[in-house]
Amino acid sequence: MIKENAAIEIYTSRTCGFCYAAKHLLQTHGYTYTEHDVTLDDRKRKYMMELSGRRTVPQIFVDGVAIGGYQELAALIADRK
């Protein structure tokens, strides 16, 4: 479950369908988030990989904890209901 006022960060790329789906899901459920586009930013992508241990996007962090990608986010939001 994600708290209503959680600090959410999402690392994305411009061509990632799951990134768009994750952002839409967050917006639909009223969550605010900070987006980090790693499409053309190798430094930011490397930092994301160091934090999450993963190369793929989206990578989503809730209150500083890596939760994974779109499917993990959807599961956490489903638990909210």
Protein backbone atom coordinates (compact mmCIF):
# COMPACT_ATOMS: atom_id res chain seq x y z
CA MET A 1 0.00 0.00 0.00
CA ILE A 2 1.22 3.52 -0.79
CA LYS A 3 0.49 6.26 1.71
CA GLU A 4 -1.47 9.22 0.41
CA ASN A 5 1.39 11.68 0.98
CA ALA A 6 4.26 9.37 -0.04
CA ALA A 7 7.27 10.81 -1.83
CA ILE A 8 7.23 9.04 -5.20
CA GLU A 9 10.01 9.21 -7.78
CA ILE A 10 9.82 7.52 -11.16
CA TYR A 11 12.71 7.06 -13.59
CA THR A 12 11.45 6.93 -17.16
CA SER A 13 12.39 7.09 -20.82
CA ARG A 14 10.47 8.70 -23.67
CA THR A 15 9.82 5.49 -25.56
CA CYS A 16 8.68 3.33 -22.65
CA GLY A 17 5.03 2.31 -22.71
CA PHE A 18 5.16 1.00 -19.14
CA CYS A 19 6.53 4.39 -18.04
CA TYR A 20 3.50 6.15 -19.51
CA ALA A 21 1.20 3.55 -17.95
CA ALA A 22 2.80 3.97 -14.51
CA LYS A 23 2.49 7.77 -14.65
CA HIS A 24 -1.14 7.47 -15.75
CA LEU A 25 -1.88 5.05 -12.92
CA LEU A 26 -0.34 7.42 -10.37
CA GLN A 27 -2.25 10.40 -11.74
CA THR A 28 -5.53 8.48 -11.88
CA HIS A 29 -5.21 7.61 -8.20
CA GLY A 30 -4.26 11.14 -7.19
CA TYR A 31 -0.59 10.59 -6.41
CA THR A 32 1.98 13.25 -7.14
CA TYR A 33 5.46 12.21 -8.23
CA THR A 34 8.79 13.46 -9.41
CA GLU A 35 9.85 12.20 -12.83
CA HIS A 36 13.45 11.65 -13.89
CA ASP A 37 13.81 11.12 -17.65
CA VAL A 38 16.91 9.02 -18.33
CA THR A 39 16.47 8.87 -22.11
CA LEU A 40 19.49 11.00 -22.96
CA ASP A 41 21.09 11.28 -19.52
CA ASP A 42 23.66 8.54 -18.92
CA ARG A 43 24.58 9.93 -15.50
CA LYS A 44 20.99 9.85 -14.31
CA ARG A 45 20.52 6.31 -15.72
CA LYS A 46 23.67 5.13 -13.93
CA TYR A 47 22.43 6.68 -10.69
CA MET A 48 19.06 4.93 -11.13
CA MET A 49 20.86 1.62 -11.66
CA GLU A 50 22.95 2.14 -8.53
CA LEU A 51 19.84 2.86 -6.47
CA SER A 52 17.65 0.08 -7.82
CA GLY A 53 20.09 -2.56 -9.05
CA ARG A 54 18.12 -2.66 -12.31
CA ARG A 55 18.65 -1.33 -15.83
CA THR A 56 15.05 -1.20 -17.04
CA VAL A 57 12.52 1.60 -16.78
CA PRO A 58 10.32 2.52 -15.16
CA GLN A 59 12.03 2.29 -11.81
CA ILE A 60 9.79 3.58 -9.06
CA PHE A 61 10.75 4.65 -5.57
CA VAL A 62 8.32 5.25 -2.73
CA ASP A 63 9.70 7.15 0.25
CA GLY A 64 13.20 6.30 -0.97
CA VAL A 65 12.56 2.55 -1.31
CA ALA A 66 12.84 0.90 -4.74
CA ILE A 67 9.58 -0.95 -5.42
CA GLY A 68 10.29 -2.05 -9.00
CA GLY A 69 8.36 -1.17 -12.12
CA TYR A 70 4.81 -0.86 -13.39
CA GLN A 71 3.54 -4.26 -12.23
CA GLU A 72 4.80 -3.75 -8.69
CA LEU A 73 3.25 -0.28 -8.61
CA ALA A 74 -0.10 -1.62 -9.84
CA ALA A 75 -0.05 -4.30 -7.13
CA LEU A 76 0.65 -1.74 -4.40
CA ILE A 77 -2.12 0.54 -5.62
CA ALA A 78 -4.55 -2.40 -5.82
CA ASP A 79 -3.77 -3.14 -2.14
CA ARG A 80 -4.93 0.41 -1.33
CA LYS A 81 -8.56 -0.39 -2.15
